[in-house]
């Protein structure tokens, strides 16, 4: 067992080397159960095209004149069960039944653009609402109650806790070292090579030294402090890397995951912070499944990883190396 601390925040994680072989049985999903879940919820799905157009809630005119935001195939509308002061749902595809290996970059790019458009309009209407995050929960083990793929856009005038901690720690690091933690991290990880996966455009992918979850991959967008700093090319590059991670998950039997984007505040130039993306795999979906989150995480805020991130990197890296991005 290793006790590791995040180099920036000091958050501790236990790395239980060799434990992954034991928990692999919990990663496996019952494909019959997944198919049954998708098929049984198709008729009543609120995110399928007919239901979205007829029944989904609408934004006030300050956000959208026709009540929703459309970007490519993606559609964005308010959440009925908000998890933040402002919470929108983005449905990236009209298809209800989408396997993890069928999520493609265009879906993510359209969804990201819809989220950013929502945040921009919201910030113009309510300038104090400048703290934003994007998350995705895929299938019940990851906390999703609806099988149809969807993404959530969260916004508030109050800081989002995890991002706030990263911003504060990044500022403290700069004040002590007179350099950006994120550029230093990318430089060191690329030199060491044990956890560095590769670069797509200005998006650097790695497996973090102190992971927050299983098979975690992290993206760091150099010189982009928030979502409005991202170009179309950046969004495409984030999407490409995300799909490669999901391809790796699928090949190892994973069918459920969580995804989060950590953005600096809109309207503020957080020079010492680079936008982050984190992806973690979750346990499998089956008739009798076990959650990988229990009292240790929920109540004691202790994290576990079942193999060293260096091992995750050694297998995941080929999903980046087989492409010609520089």
Protein backbone atom coordinates (compact mmCIF):
# COMPACT_ATOMS: atom_id res chain seq x y z
CA UNK A 1 0.00 0.00 0.00
CA UNK A 2 1.18 3.50 -0.86
CA UNK A 3 -0.10 6.75 0.64
CA UNK A 4 0.18 9.48 -1.97
CA UNK A 5 -0.64 13.17 -1.74
CA UNK A 6 -1.69 15.39 -4.60
CA UNK A 7 1.31 17.67 -5.24
CA UNK A 8 -0.90 20.77 -5.41
CA UNK A 9 -3.70 20.29 -2.88
CA UNK A 10 -2.19 17.73 -0.50
CA UNK A 11 -5.30 15.53 -0.84
CA UNK A 12 -4.38 11.97 0.15
CA UNK A 13 -5.14 8.75 -1.71
CA UNK A 14 -4.30 5.13 -0.93
CA UNK A 15 -2.85 3.24 -3.90
CA UNK A 16 -3.48 -0.47 -3.37
CA UNK A 17 -1.12 -2.01 -5.89
CA UNK A 18 -2.26 -5.31 -7.36
CA UNK A 19 -5.82 -4.85 -6.12
CA UNK A 20 -7.21 -4.25 -9.62
CA UNK A 21 -7.19 -7.97 -10.43
CA UNK A 22 -9.49 -8.52 -7.46
CA UNK A 23 -11.96 -5.75 -8.34
CA UNK A 24 -12.09 -6.50 -12.09
CA UNK A 25 -15.09 -8.76 -11.52
CA UNK A 26 -16.96 -5.71 -10.25
CA UNK A 27 -16.03 -3.70 -13.34
CA UNK A 28 -17.70 -6.18 -15.65
CA UNK A 29 -21.23 -5.39 -16.81
CA UNK A 30 -24.00 -7.76 -17.82
CA UNK A 31 -24.70 -6.76 -21.44
CA UNK A 32 -28.15 -8.33 -21.25
CA UNK A 33 -28.96 -6.11 -18.27
CA UNK A 34 -27.66 -3.03 -20.09
CA UNK A 35 -29.73 -3.84 -23.17
CA UNK A 36 -32.79 -4.44 -21.00
CA UNK A 37 -32.27 -1.10 -19.24
CA UNK A 38 -32.02 0.81 -22.51
CA UNK A 39 -34.94 -1.02 -24.15
CA UNK A 40 -37.26 -0.76 -21.14
CA UNK A 41 -36.72 3.00 -20.78
CA UNK A 42 -36.89 3.95 -24.45
CA UNK A 43 -40.63 4.65 -24.60
CA UNK A 44 -40.66 6.83 -21.50
CA UNK A 45 -37.28 8.53 -22.01
CA UNK A 46 -37.52 12.31 -21.45
CA UNK A 47 -34.36 12.90 -23.51
CA UNK A 48 -35.44 11.24 -26.74
CA UNK A 49 -36.28 13.70 -29.55
CA UNK A 50 -40.09 13.70 -29.33
CA UNK A 51 -40.10 14.07 -25.56
CA UNK A 52 -37.47 16.79 -25.55
CA UNK A 53 -39.42 18.90 -28.03
CA UNK A 54 -42.81 18.33 -26.40
CA UNK A 55 -42.12 18.01 -22.70
CA UNK A 56 -38.73 19.36 -21.64
CA UNK A 57 -38.74 22.65 -19.71
CA UNK A 58 -37.73 25.88 -21.39
CA UNK A 59 -35.33 28.65 -20.52
CA UNK A 60 -36.67 32.14 -19.83
CA UNK A 61 -36.36 34.56 -22.76
CA UNK A 62 -33.28 36.13 -21.16
CA UNK A 63 -31.46 32.87 -22.00
CA UNK A 64 -33.21 31.73 -25.18
CA UNK A 65 -36.03 33.26 -27.20
CA UNK A 66 -37.38 29.83 -28.17
CA UNK A 67 -36.65 28.26 -24.78
CA UNK A 68 -33.79 25.94 -25.74
CA UNK A 69 -30.27 26.07 -27.14
CA UNK A 70 -29.30 23.95 -30.15
CA UNK A 71 -25.75 23.21 -31.27
CA UNK A 72 -25.39 20.62 -34.00
CA UNK A 73 -27.25 17.55 -32.79
CA UNK A 74 -27.08 18.68 -29.16
CA UNK A 75 -30.02 20.31 -27.38
CA UNK A 76 -29.78 22.21 -24.09
CA UNK A 77 -32.65 22.92 -21.67
CA UNK A 78 -33.15 23.50 -17.91
CA UNK A 79 -32.96 20.59 -15.48
CA UNK A 80 -36.13 19.77 -13.57
CA UNK A 81 -34.03 18.46 -10.67
CA UNK A 82 -31.37 21.11 -10.30
CA UNK A 83 -28.09 20.27 -8.57
CA UNK A 84 -26.90 23.86 -8.60
CA UNK A 85 -28.30 27.38 -8.62
CA UNK A 86 -28.40 27.10 -12.41
CA UNK A 87 -28.40 23.64 -13.96
CA UNK A 88 -28.98 22.77 -17.61
CA UNK A 89 -29.14 19.40 -19.32
CA UNK A 90 -27.42 18.87 -22.66
CA UNK A 91 -28.48 15.85 -24.71
CA UNK A 92 -25.70 15.29 -27.28
CA UNK A 93 -27.42 12.71 -29.46
CA UNK A 94 -30.91 11.77 -30.62
CA UNK A 95 -30.05 8.09 -30.14
CA UNK A 96 -31.30 6.56 -26.90
CA UNK A 97 -29.16 3.43 -26.86
CA UNK A 98 -25.49 4.37 -27.22
CA UNK A 99 -22.69 2.09 -26.07
CA UNK A 100 -19.63 3.56 -24.44
CA UNK A 101 -17.53 2.81 -27.54
CA UNK A 102 -20.10 4.59 -29.73
CA UNK A 103 -19.61 8.00 -28.12
CA UNK A 104 -17.68 9.95 -30.75
CA UNK A 105 -15.85 13.31 -30.66
CA UNK A 106 -18.57 15.27 -32.48
CA UNK A 107 -21.06 14.40 -29.73
CA UNK A 108 -18.77 15.90 -27.12
CA UNK A 109 -17.89 18.95 -29.22
CA UNK A 110 -21.57 19.77 -29.83
CA UNK A 111 -22.33 19.25 -26.13
CA UNK A 112 -19.40 21.41 -25.00
CA UNK A 113 -20.46 24.20 -27.34
CA UNK A 114 -24.03 24.06 -26.03
CA UNK A 115 -22.77 24.24 -22.43
CA UNK A 116 -20.52 27.20 -23.21
CA UNK A 117 -23.31 29.01 -25.06
CA UNK A 118 -25.58 28.48 -22.06
CA UNK A 119 -22.91 29.78 -19.67
CA UNK A 120 -22.25 32.82 -21.86
CA UNK A 121 -25.92 33.77 -22.07
CA UNK A 122 -26.39 33.16 -18.37
CA UNK A 123 -23.36 35.32 -17.51
CA UNK A 124 -24.61 38.14 -19.75
CA UNK A 125 -27.99 38.02 -18.00
CA UNK A 126 -26.60 37.53 -14.49
CA UNK A 127 -22.94 38.67 -14.43
CA UNK A 128 -22.46 37.39 -10.88
CA UNK A 129 -23.06 33.81 -12.10
CA UNK A 130 -19.51 33.13 -13.24
CA UNK A 131 -18.61 29.77 -11.68
CA UNK A 132 -19.20 26.84 -14.01
CA UNK A 133 -18.60 23.11 -14.35
CA UNK A 134 -19.53 20.39 -16.83
CA UNK A 135 -20.14 16.82 -15.69
CA UNK A 136 -21.29 13.55 -17.22
CA UNK A 137 -22.59 10.43 -15.51
CA UNK A 138 -22.87 7.37 -17.74
CA UNK A 139 -25.21 4.57 -16.55
CA UNK A 140 -26.44 3.88 -12.99
CA UNK A 141 -23.10 2.90 -11.40
CA UNK A 142 -21.92 6.44 -12.21
CA UNK A 143 -25.05 8.02 -10.73
CA UNK A 144 -27.13 8.40 -13.89
CA UNK A 145 -30.86 7.76 -13.51
CA UNK A 146 -31.51 7.95 -17.28
CA UNK A 147 -29.91 5.65 -19.84
CA UNK A 148 -29.97 8.19 -22.68
CA UNK A 149 -26.53 9.91 -22.81
CA UNK A 150 -26.63 13.40 -21.34
CA UNK A 151 -24.33 16.04 -19.85
CA UNK A 152 -25.00 18.56 -17.10
CA UNK A 153 -23.95 22.20 -17.12
CA UNK A 154 -23.72 23.65 -13.60
CA UNK A 155 -23.38 27.34 -12.70
CA UNK A 156 -23.52 29.47 -9.56
CA UNK A 157 -22.52 32.84 -8.15
CA UNK A 158 -20.77 30.86 -5.40
CA UNK A 159 -17.48 29.04 -6.06
CA UNK A 160 -17.71 25.36 -6.95
CA UNK A 161 -15.85 23.61 -4.15
CA UNK A 162 -13.33 21.45 -6.01
CA UNK A 163 -12.50 24.14 -8.56
CA UNK A 164 -12.22 26.76 -5.83
CA UNK A 165 -9.66 24.60 -4.01
CA UNK A 166 -7.63 24.15 -7.21
CA UNK A 167 -7.69 27.88 -7.93
CA UNK A 168 -6.63 28.78 -4.39
CA UNK A 169 -3.83 26.21 -4.39
CA UNK A 170 -2.66 27.35 -7.85
CA UNK A 171 -2.43 30.96 -6.64
CA UNK A 172 -0.52 29.91 -3.52
CA UNK A 173 1.90 27.86 -5.63
CA UNK A 174 2.56 30.81 -7.93
CA UNK A 175 3.15 33.16 -5.01
CA UNK A 176 5.71 30.76 -3.56
CA UNK A 177 7.46 29.61 -6.75
CA UNK A 178 6.75 32.49 -9.20
CA UNK A 179 5.73 29.97 -11.84
CA UNK A 180 2.54 28.14 -12.86
CA UNK A 181 1.95 24.80 -11.18
CA UNK A 182 0.21 23.47 -14.29
CA UNK A 183 3.02 24.27 -16.72
CA UNK A 184 5.49 22.83 -14.20
CA UNK A 185 3.37 19.69 -13.84
CA UNK A 186 3.12 19.12 -17.58
CA UNK A 187 6.85 19.69 -18.03
CA UNK A 188 7.82 17.27 -15.24
CA UNK A 189 5.32 14.57 -16.23
CA UNK A 190 6.46 14.72 -19.85
CA UNK A 191 10.11 14.44 -18.77
CA UNK A 192 9.50 11.59 -16.33
CA UNK A 193 7.21 9.76 -18.76
CA UNK A 194 5.68 7.31 -16.26
CA UNK A 195 2.26 8.96 -16.28
CA UNK A 196 2.30 11.10 -19.42
CA UNK A 197 -0.05 9.90 -22.16
CA UNK A 198 0.48 12.50 -24.87
CA UNK A 199 -0.48 15.88 -26.25
CA UNK A 200 -3.31 16.70 -28.64
CA UNK A 201 -2.95 20.33 -29.71
CA UNK A 202 -2.46 22.20 -26.44
CA UNK A 203 -4.31 19.53 -24.43
CA UNK A 204 -1.95 17.39 -22.32
CA UNK A 205 -3.18 13.99 -21.15
CA UNK A 206 -1.77 12.07 -18.19
CA UNK A 207 -2.69 9.74 -15.35
CA UNK A 208 -2.52 11.79 -12.10
CA UNK A 209 -0.02 10.89 -9.38
CA UNK A 210 -2.77 10.83 -6.73
CA UNK A 211 -5.92 9.74 -8.62
CA UNK A 212 -9.42 10.51 -7.38
CA UNK A 213 -10.88 7.31 -8.86
CA UNK A 214 -10.33 4.13 -10.84
CA UNK A 215 -8.39 4.22 -14.11
CA UNK A 216 -8.35 8.00 -13.96
CA UNK A 217 -7.14 10.15 -16.84
CA UNK A 218 -6.59 13.90 -16.60
CA UNK A 219 -6.38 16.57 -19.29
CA UNK A 220 -4.71 19.95 -18.78
CA UNK A 221 -5.29 22.65 -21.41
CA UNK A 222 -2.20 24.84 -21.49
CA UNK A 223 -2.81 28.61 -21.27
CA UNK A 224 -6.60 28.29 -21.06
CA UNK A 225 -7.99 29.27 -17.66
CA UNK A 226 -11.72 28.82 -18.35
CA UNK A 227 -14.24 27.52 -20.84
CA UNK A 228 -14.50 30.76 -22.79
CA UNK A 229 -10.73 30.57 -23.39
CA UNK A 230 -11.22 27.43 -25.47
CA UNK A 231 -11.25 27.47 -29.27
CA UNK A 232 -13.17 25.04 -31.45
CA UNK A 233 -9.88 23.20 -31.95
CA UNK A 234 -9.40 22.91 -28.18
CA UNK A 235 -12.88 21.43 -27.78
CA UNK A 236 -12.19 18.97 -30.58
CA UNK A 237 -8.87 17.99 -28.99
CA UNK A 238 -10.48 17.45 -25.58
CA UNK A 239 -13.17 15.34 -27.26
CA UNK A 240 -10.61 13.23 -29.14
CA UNK A 241 -8.69 12.43 -25.98
CA UNK A 242 -11.88 11.67 -24.07
CA UNK A 243 -12.95 9.16 -26.71
CA UNK A 244 -9.55 7.46 -26.54
CA UNK A 245 -9.90 7.04 -22.78
CA UNK A 246 -13.40 5.63 -23.25
CA UNK A 247 -12.10 3.24 -25.92
CA UNK A 248 -9.56 1.97 -23.38
CA UNK A 249 -12.30 1.59 -20.77
CA UNK A 250 -14.48 -0.35 -23.20
CA UNK A 251 -11.66 -2.72 -24.14
CA UNK A 252 -11.02 -3.52 -20.47
CA UNK A 253 -14.72 -4.24 -19.88
CA UNK A 254 -15.78 -0.92 -18.32
CA UNK A 255 -19.23 0.38 -19.31
CA UNK A 256 -19.78 3.23 -16.83
CA UNK A 257 -17.81 6.41 -16.14
CA UNK A 258 -17.82 9.93 -14.71
CA UNK A 259 -16.43 13.01 -16.41
CA UNK A 260 -15.85 16.55 -15.10
CA UNK A 261 -14.51 19.83 -16.47
CA UNK A 262 -12.97 22.25 -13.94
CA UNK A 263 -13.15 25.81 -15.28
CA UNK A 264 -11.93 29.09 -13.85
CA UNK A 265 -14.55 31.83 -13.38
CA UNK A 266 -15.98 33.64 -16.38
CA UNK A 267 -14.86 37.25 -16.65
CA UNK A 268 -11.71 36.65 -14.61
CA UNK A 269 -8.22 36.00 -15.92
CA UNK A 270 -6.91 33.24 -13.65
CA UNK A 271 -3.36 33.35 -15.04
CA UNK A 272 -2.06 30.62 -12.76
CA UNK A 273 -4.78 28.06 -13.48
CA UNK A 274 -5.21 25.79 -16.51
CA UNK A 275 -8.58 24.23 -17.28
CA UNK A 276 -8.73 20.58 -16.22
CA UNK A 277 -10.70 17.53 -17.31
CA UNK A 278 -10.89 14.32 -15.26
CA UNK A 279 -12.39 10.96 -16.27
CA UNK A 280 -12.82 7.96 -13.95
CA UNK A 281 -14.27 4.51 -14.58
CA UNK A 282 -16.98 3.05 -12.36
CA UNK A 283 -18.15 -0.44 -11.45
CA UNK A 284 -20.19 -2.55 -13.86
CA UNK A 285 -23.95 -2.69 -14.31
CA UNK A 286 -25.59 -6.01 -13.58
CA UNK A 287 -28.57 -7.41 -11.71
CA UNK A 288 -26.63 -7.54 -8.46
CA UNK A 289 -23.99 -4.85 -8.63
CA UNK A 290 -21.77 -3.27 -5.98
CA UNK A 291 -20.99 0.43 -5.80
CA UNK A 292 -17.36 1.50 -5.67
CA UNK A 293 -18.29 4.48 -3.49
CA UNK A 294 -18.92 3.75 0.18
CA UNK A 295 -18.53 5.38 3.60
CA UNK A 296 -14.76 5.72 3.20
CA UNK A 297 -15.28 8.18 0.33
CA UNK A 298 -18.64 9.73 1.21
CA UNK A 299 -18.11 10.28 4.93
CA UNK A 300 -14.36 10.19 5.53
CA UNK A 301 -13.28 11.76 2.21
CA UNK A 302 -10.61 9.06 1.79
CA UNK A 303 -9.85 7.93 -1.76
CA UNK A 304 -8.59 4.58 -3.03
CA UNK A 305 -6.99 3.53 -6.31
CA UNK A 306 -6.62 -0.18 -7.05
CA UNK A 307 -3.45 0.09 -9.09
CA UNK A 308 -0.67 2.60 -9.51
CA UNK A 309 -1.42 5.35 -12.05
CA UNK A 310 1.86 4.44 -13.73
CA UNK A 311 0.34 1.02 -14.54
CA UNK A 312 -2.82 2.65 -15.87
CA UNK A 313 -0.68 4.90 -18.04
CA UNK A 314 1.37 2.01 -19.46
CA UNK A 315 -1.80 0.40 -20.87
CA UNK A 316 -3.73 3.55 -21.74
CA UNK A 317 -0.81 5.26 -23.54
CA UNK A 318 -1.12 3.16 -26.68
CA UNK A 319 -4.61 4.63 -27.27
CA UNK A 320 -2.84 7.98 -27.65
CA UNK A 321 0.29 6.75 -29.45
CA UNK A 322 -1.64 5.04 -32.23
CA UNK A 323 -2.80 8.45 -33.46
CA UNK A 324 -0.60 11.00 -35.23
CA UNK A 325 -1.47 14.08 -33.12
CA UNK A 326 1.37 16.28 -31.99
